[in-house]
Amino acid sequence: MKHLQIYRKSLIPVLLFFAISPLFLPSQAVLRAANVEASSSTDFNKKLYNLHHGLIPGILFSGNGALFFNDLFAGNTVTFMKIVEESLGKTYADGIKIVPEHYADFDVVLMSFPEPLYEPLNYHAALVRKNGEFRYITLEKGNTIGGSEVKSFLCEWTADHTHKNFGPREYEALSAFRTELLTFLKK
């Protein structure tokens, strides 16, 4: 329970920051295609965006980042999943897969999310600990650009809430994300 209280205290500044930030919400056509009413989905969509781009990096880059990372890396996901379930429901929380991986120079917690319905939600995210520093690297759903379908974008959120976009990718699979991530982190 102590971890839950620590995480929740970390959320307040993150949620306030993203509550006043512009949000990327799906178009009415996307909502109709998904058979979801706009009035009931807007809050859910904001919560999804905040989870992917606010809550997770917000905790990771807070004073409780090491505790959060260590819990997830050790397989102690109950507290985090409880927070997700309270906000987004059990079905969504159950769809998140968390896999810790150790490498010679860094540790990674890979997160895979349920299929994103709209850009810029994440297919996958990597919480990285390298030389005592944290990074949050994401594979975000793409869109159609200039008539060509872009499956995803490789991106990163920094501790100062800067969003970096490393460009379009032609994949969405975890295995391809992992392969590129390992190369990316060795630079």
C-alpha atoms as a PDB file:
ATOM      1  CA  MET A   1       0.000   0.000   0.000  1.00  0.00           C
ATOM      2  CA  LYS A   2       2.911   2.351   0.657  1.00  0.00           C
ATOM      3  CA  HIS A   3       3.970   2.053  -3.000  1.00  0.00           C
ATOM      4  CA  LEU A   4       0.444   2.937  -4.120  1.00  0.00           C
ATOM      5  CA  GLN A   5       0.505   6.085  -1.986  1.00  0.00           C
ATOM      6  CA  ILE A   6       3.929   7.079  -3.325  1.00  0.00           C
ATOM      7  CA  TYR A   7       2.826   6.552  -6.941  1.00  0.00           C
ATOM      8  CA  ARG A   8      -0.384   8.504  -6.408  1.00  0.00           C
ATOM      9  CA  LYS A   9       1.535  11.440  -4.873  1.00  0.00           C
ATOM     10  CA  SER A  10       3.793  11.413  -7.941  1.00  0.00           C
ATOM     11  CA  LEU A  11       0.781  11.617 -10.232  1.00  0.00           C
ATOM     12  CA  ILE A  12      -0.591  14.976  -9.147  1.00  0.00           C
ATOM     13  CA  PRO A  13       1.997  17.188 -10.915  1.00  0.00           C
ATOM     14  CA  VAL A  14       2.005  14.906 -13.958  1.00  0.00           C
ATOM     15  CA  LEU A  15      -1.757  14.881 -14.315  1.00  0.00           C
ATOM     16  CA  LEU A  16      -1.945  18.650 -13.826  1.00  0.00           C
ATOM     17  CA  PHE A  17       0.676  19.171 -16.530  1.00  0.00           C
ATOM     18  CA  PHE A  18      -1.156  16.998 -19.028  1.00  0.00           C
ATOM     19  CA  ALA A  19      -4.603  18.260 -18.078  1.00  0.00           C
ATOM     20  CA  ILE A  20      -3.632  21.657 -19.508  1.00  0.00           C
ATOM     21  CA  SER A  21      -1.670  20.258 -22.483  1.00  0.00           C
ATOM     22  CA  PRO A  22      -3.273  19.793 -25.885  1.00  0.00           C
ATOM     23  CA  LEU A  23      -4.472  16.224 -26.292  1.00  0.00           C
ATOM     24  CA  PHE A  24      -4.568  14.157 -29.442  1.00  0.00           C
ATOM     25  CA  LEU A  25      -8.046  12.679 -29.544  1.00  0.00           C
ATOM     26  CA  PRO A  26      -9.488  10.474 -32.260  1.00  0.00           C
ATOM     27  CA  SER A  27     -11.687  11.898 -34.967  1.00  0.00           C
ATOM     28  CA  GLN A  28     -15.430  11.312 -34.944  1.00  0.00           C
ATOM     29  CA  ALA A  29     -14.969   8.891 -37.867  1.00  0.00           C
ATOM     30  CA  VAL A  30     -12.568   6.769 -35.839  1.00  0.00           C
ATOM     31  CA  LEU A  31     -14.954   6.761 -32.893  1.00  0.00           C
ATOM     32  CA  ARG A  32     -17.884   5.750 -35.113  1.00  0.00           C
ATOM     33  CA  ALA A  33     -15.791   3.005 -36.688  1.00  0.00           C
ATOM     34  CA  ALA A  34     -15.025   1.682 -33.231  1.00  0.00           C
ATOM     35  CA  ASN A  35     -18.718   1.942 -32.272  1.00  0.00           C
ATOM     36  CA  VAL A  36     -17.901   4.268 -29.405  1.00  0.00           C
ATOM     37  CA  GLU A  37     -19.887   7.364 -28.544  1.00  0.00           C
ATOM     38  CA  ALA A  38     -17.744  10.499 -28.468  1.00  0.00           C
ATOM     39  CA  SER A  39     -19.325  11.741 -25.243  1.00  0.00           C
ATOM     40  CA  SER A  40     -18.425   8.585 -23.341  1.00  0.00           C
ATOM     41  CA  SER A  41     -15.017   8.055 -24.933  1.00  0.00           C
ATOM     42  CA  THR A  42     -13.410  11.472 -24.513  1.00  0.00           C
ATOM     43  CA  ASP A  43     -12.569  10.948 -20.839  1.00  0.00           C
ATOM     44  CA  PHE A  44     -11.299   7.430 -21.525  1.00  0.00           C
ATOM     45  CA  ASN A  45      -9.127   8.728 -24.398  1.00  0.00           C
ATOM     46  CA  LYS A  46      -7.629  11.433 -22.194  1.00  0.00           C
ATOM     47  CA  LYS A  47      -6.848   8.831 -19.553  1.00  0.00           C
ATOM     48  CA  LEU A  48      -5.197   6.579 -22.158  1.00  0.00           C
ATOM     49  CA  TYR A  49      -3.070   9.433 -23.461  1.00  0.00           C
ATOM     50  CA  ASN A  50      -2.120  10.452 -19.928  1.00  0.00           C
ATOM     51  CA  LEU A  51      -1.135   6.888 -19.034  1.00  0.00           C
ATOM     52  CA  HIS A  52       1.097   6.487 -22.095  1.00  0.00           C
ATOM     53  CA  HIS A  53       2.627   9.964 -22.188  1.00  0.00           C
ATOM     54  CA  GLY A  54       2.135  11.447 -18.717  1.00  0.00           C
ATOM     55  CA  LEU A  55       1.758   8.971 -15.880  1.00  0.00           C
ATOM     56  CA  ILE A  56       4.477   6.463 -16.758  1.00  0.00           C
ATOM     57  CA  PRO A  57       7.230   8.959 -17.647  1.00  0.00           C
ATOM     58  CA  GLY A  58       6.028  11.255 -14.855  1.00  0.00           C
ATOM     59  CA  ILE A  59       6.634   8.599 -12.224  1.00  0.00           C
ATOM     60  CA  LEU A  60       9.829   7.374 -13.911  1.00  0.00           C
ATOM     61  CA  PHE A  61      11.356  10.868 -13.866  1.00  0.00           C
ATOM     62  CA  SER A  62      10.117  11.730 -10.364  1.00  0.00           C
ATOM     63  CA  GLY A  63      11.895  11.218  -7.071  1.00  0.00           C
ATOM     64  CA  ASN A  64      10.190   7.816  -6.955  1.00  0.00           C
ATOM     65  CA  GLY A  65      11.499   6.725 -10.357  1.00  0.00           C
ATOM     66  CA  ALA A  66      13.996   4.215  -8.981  1.00  0.00           C
ATOM     67  CA  LEU A  67      11.351   2.613  -6.754  1.00  0.00           C
ATOM     68  CA  PHE A  68       8.898   2.436  -9.673  1.00  0.00           C
ATOM     69  CA  PHE A  69      11.488   0.989 -12.069  1.00  0.00           C
ATOM     70  CA  ASN A  70      12.807  -1.510  -9.500  1.00  0.00           C
ATOM     71  CA  ASP A  71       9.283  -2.735  -8.727  1.00  0.00           C
ATOM     72  CA  LEU A  72       8.450  -3.312 -12.384  1.00  0.00           C
ATOM     73  CA  PHE A  73      11.855  -4.855 -13.084  1.00  0.00           C
ATOM     74  CA  ALA A  74      11.426  -7.277 -10.165  1.00  0.00           C
ATOM     75  CA  GLY A  75       7.973  -8.292 -11.428  1.00  0.00           C
ATOM     76  CA  ASN A  76       6.118  -6.381  -8.706  1.00  0.00           C
ATOM     77  CA  THR A  77       3.469  -4.976 -11.037  1.00  0.00           C
ATOM     78  CA  VAL A  78       0.416  -5.199  -8.765  1.00  0.00           C
ATOM     79  CA  THR A  79       0.520  -1.578  -7.580  1.00  0.00           C
ATOM     80  CA  PHE A  80       0.985  -0.153 -11.070  1.00  0.00           C
ATOM     81  CA  MET A  81      -1.709  -2.391 -12.546  1.00  0.00           C
ATOM     82  CA  LYS A  82      -4.100  -1.396  -9.753  1.00  0.00           C
ATOM     83  CA  ILE A  83      -3.628   2.282 -10.685  1.00  0.00           C
ATOM     84  CA  VAL A  84      -4.268   1.473 -14.363  1.00  0.00           C
ATOM     85  CA  GLU A  85      -7.306  -0.647 -13.515  1.00  0.00           C
ATOM     86  CA  GLU A  86      -8.830   2.080 -11.320  1.00  0.00           C
ATOM     87  CA  SER A  87      -8.551   4.587 -14.152  1.00  0.00           C
ATOM     88  CA  LEU A  88      -9.053   2.524 -17.331  1.00  0.00           C
ATOM     89  CA  GLY A  89     -10.702  -0.695 -16.191  1.00  0.00           C
ATOM     90  CA  LYS A  90      -9.650  -4.286 -15.690  1.00  0.00           C
ATOM     91  CA  THR A  91      -9.856  -5.239 -19.371  1.00  0.00           C
ATOM     92  CA  TYR A  92      -7.361  -2.558 -20.394  1.00  0.00           C
ATOM     93  CA  ALA A  93      -5.051  -3.281 -17.446  1.00  0.00           C
ATOM     94  CA  ASP A  94      -5.098  -7.017 -18.228  1.00  0.00           C
ATOM     95  CA  GLY A  95      -4.007  -6.216 -21.798  1.00  0.00           C
ATOM     96  CA  ILE A  96      -0.748  -4.615 -20.679  1.00  0.00           C
ATOM     97  CA  LYS A  97       2.269  -6.914 -20.763  1.00  0.00           C
ATOM     98  CA  ILE A  98       5.402  -6.027 -18.772  1.00  0.00           C
ATOM     99  CA  VAL A  99       8.720  -7.770 -19.423  1.00  0.00           C
ATOM    100  CA  PRO A 100      11.983  -6.907 -17.610  1.00  0.00           C
ATOM    101  CA  GLU A 101      15.246  -7.503 -19.472  1.00  0.00           C
ATOM    102  CA  HIS A 102      18.843  -7.206 -18.277  1.00  0.00           C
ATOM    103  CA  TYR A 103      21.717  -6.375 -20.613  1.00  0.00           C
ATOM    104  CA  ALA A 104      25.407  -5.782 -19.915  1.00  0.00           C
ATOM    105  CA  ASP A 105      25.185  -1.968 -19.892  1.00  0.00           C
ATOM    106  CA  PHE A 106      21.540  -1.295 -19.053  1.00  0.00           C
ATOM    107  CA  ASP A 107      18.227  -2.658 -17.808  1.00  0.00           C
ATOM    108  CA  VAL A 108      14.922  -2.345 -19.644  1.00  0.00           C
ATOM    109  CA  VAL A 109      11.287  -2.786 -18.681  1.00  0.00           C
ATOM    110  CA  LEU A 110       9.323  -3.368 -21.874  1.00  0.00           C
ATOM    111  CA  MET A 111       5.620  -2.559 -21.820  1.00  0.00           C
ATOM    112  CA  SER A 112       3.215  -3.664 -24.520  1.00  0.00           C
ATOM    113  CA  PHE A 113      -0.219  -2.074 -24.574  1.00  0.00           C
ATOM    114  CA  PRO A 114      -3.518  -3.184 -26.095  1.00  0.00           C
ATOM    115  CA  GLU A 115      -3.785  -2.278 -29.791  1.00  0.00           C
ATOM    116  CA  PRO A 116      -3.891   1.539 -29.975  1.00  0.00           C
ATOM    117  CA  LEU A 117      -6.952   2.877 -31.773  1.00  0.00           C
ATOM    118  CA  TYR A 118      -5.422   6.215 -32.707  1.00  0.00           C
ATOM    119  CA  GLU A 119      -2.183   8.137 -32.979  1.00  0.00           C
ATOM    120  CA  PRO A 120      -0.136   8.824 -30.794  1.00  0.00           C
ATOM    121  CA  LEU A 121      -0.916   6.026 -28.351  1.00  0.00           C
ATOM    122  CA  ASN A 122       1.839   3.495 -27.772  1.00  0.00           C
ATOM    123  CA  TYR A 123       2.171   0.016 -29.124  1.00  0.00           C
ATOM    124  CA  HIS A 124       5.140  -0.442 -26.797  1.00  0.00           C
ATOM    125  CA  ALA A 125       7.266   1.525 -24.369  1.00  0.00           C
ATOM    126  CA  ALA A 126      10.689   0.931 -22.881  1.00  0.00           C
ATOM    127  CA  LEU A 127      11.634   2.177 -19.448  1.00  0.00           C
ATOM    128  CA  VAL A 128      15.428   2.186 -19.529  1.00  0.00           C
ATOM    129  CA  ARG A 129      17.986   2.474 -16.726  1.00  0.00           C
ATOM    130  CA  LYS A 130      21.506   3.101 -18.004  1.00  0.00           C
ATOM    131  CA  ASN A 131      24.345   4.479 -15.877  1.00  0.00           C
ATOM    132  CA  GLY A 132      21.863   5.495 -13.171  1.00  0.00           C
ATOM    133  CA  GLU A 133      19.778   7.575 -15.618  1.00  0.00           C
ATOM    134  CA  PHE A 134      16.274   6.810 -16.853  1.00  0.00           C
ATOM    135  CA  ARG A 135      14.863   7.063 -20.362  1.00  0.00           C
ATOM    136  CA  TYR A 136      11.342   6.506 -21.680  1.00  0.00           C
ATOM    137  CA  ILE A 137      11.295   5.376 -25.315  1.00  0.00           C
ATOM    138  CA  THR A 138       8.057   4.649 -27.127  1.00  0.00           C
ATOM    139  CA  LEU A 139       6.768   3.108 -30.324  1.00  0.00           C
ATOM    140  CA  GLU A 140       3.694   5.178 -31.138  1.00  0.00           C
ATOM    141  CA  LYS A 141       0.921   4.422 -33.588  1.00  0.00           C
ATOM    142  CA  GLY A 142       1.437   6.073 -36.977  1.00  0.00           C
ATOM    143  CA  ASN A 143      -0.921   7.516 -39.545  1.00  0.00           C
ATOM    144  CA  THR A 144      -1.149   8.237 -43.248  1.00  0.00           C
ATOM    145  CA  ILE A 145       1.394  10.782 -44.474  1.00  0.00           C
ATOM    146  CA  GLY A 146       1.449  11.896 -48.094  1.00  0.00           C
ATOM    147  CA  GLY A 147      -0.583   8.906 -49.209  1.00  0.00           C
ATOM    148  CA  SER A 148       1.650   6.298 -47.557  1.00  0.00           C
ATOM    149  CA  GLU A 149       0.684   4.392 -44.442  1.00  0.00           C
ATOM    150  CA  VAL A 150       3.128   4.812 -41.558  1.00  0.00           C
ATOM    151  CA  LYS A 151       2.749   2.037 -39.007  1.00  0.00           C
ATOM    152  CA  SER A 152       4.555   3.731 -36.134  1.00  0.00           C
ATOM    153  CA  PHE A 153       6.966   6.385 -34.891  1.00  0.00           C
ATOM    154  CA  LEU A 154       9.954   5.821 -32.623  1.00  0.00           C
ATOM    155  CA  CYS A 155       9.830   8.522 -29.961  1.00  0.00           C
ATOM    156  CA  GLU A 156      11.159   9.466 -26.534  1.00  0.00           C
ATOM    157  CA  TRP A 157       9.908  11.541 -23.619  1.00  0.00           C
ATOM    158  CA  THR A 158      12.601  13.246 -21.561  1.00  0.00           C
ATOM    159  CA  ALA A 159      12.669  14.232 -17.905  1.00  0.00           C
ATOM    160  CA  ASP A 160      11.820  17.847 -18.824  1.00  0.00           C
ATOM    161  CA  HIS A 161       8.649  16.720 -20.704  1.00  0.00           C
ATOM    162  CA  THR A 162      10.228  17.135 -24.148  1.00  0.00           C
ATOM    163  CA  HIS A 163       8.872  14.797 -26.813  1.00  0.00           C
ATOM    164  CA  LYS A 164      11.445  13.641 -29.369  1.00  0.00           C
ATOM    165  CA  ASN A 165      10.328  12.016 -32.607  1.00  0.00           C
ATOM    166  CA  PHE A 166      12.947   9.868 -34.358  1.00  0.00           C
ATOM    167  CA  GLY A 167      10.772   9.343 -37.403  1.00  0.00           C
ATOM    168  CA  PRO A 168       8.409   6.853 -38.993  1.00  0.00           C
ATOM    169  CA  ARG A 169       8.852   3.102 -38.776  1.00  0.00           C
ATOM    170  CA  GLU A 170       7.394   0.300 -40.852  1.00  0.00           C
ATOM    171  CA  TYR A 171       6.763  -2.035 -37.935  1.00  0.00           C
ATOM    172  CA  GLU A 172       4.631  -2.372 -34.832  1.00  0.00           C
ATOM    173  CA  ALA A 173       5.828  -5.737 -33.491  1.00  0.00           C
ATOM    174  CA  LEU A 174       7.547  -5.962 -30.119  1.00  0.00           C
ATOM    175  CA  SER A 175      10.402  -8.036 -31.574  1.00  0.00           C
ATOM    176  CA  ALA A 176      11.270  -5.303 -34.099  1.00  0.00           C
ATOM    177  CA  PHE A 177      10.980  -2.606 -31.414  1.00  0.00           C
ATOM    178  CA  ARG A 178      13.312  -4.579 -29.119  1.00  0.00           C
ATOM    179  CA  THR A 179      15.878  -5.060 -31.901  1.00  0.00           C
ATOM    180  CA  GLU A 180      15.936  -1.358 -32.787  1.00  0.00           C
ATOM    181  CA  LEU A 181      15.902  -0.351 -29.124  1.00  0.00           C
ATOM    182  CA  LEU A 182      19.006  -2.425 -28.355  1.00  0.00           C
ATOM    183  CA  THR A 183      20.889  -0.861 -31.270  1.00  0.00           C
ATOM    184  CA  PHE A 184      19.615   2.610 -30.306  1.00  0.00           C
ATOM    185  CA  LEU A 185      20.761   2.253 -26.679  1.00  0.00           C
ATOM    186  CA  LYS A 186      24.258   1.063 -27.603  1.00  0.00           C
ATOM    187  CA  LYS A 187      25.008   4.365 -29.363  1.00  0.00           C
END
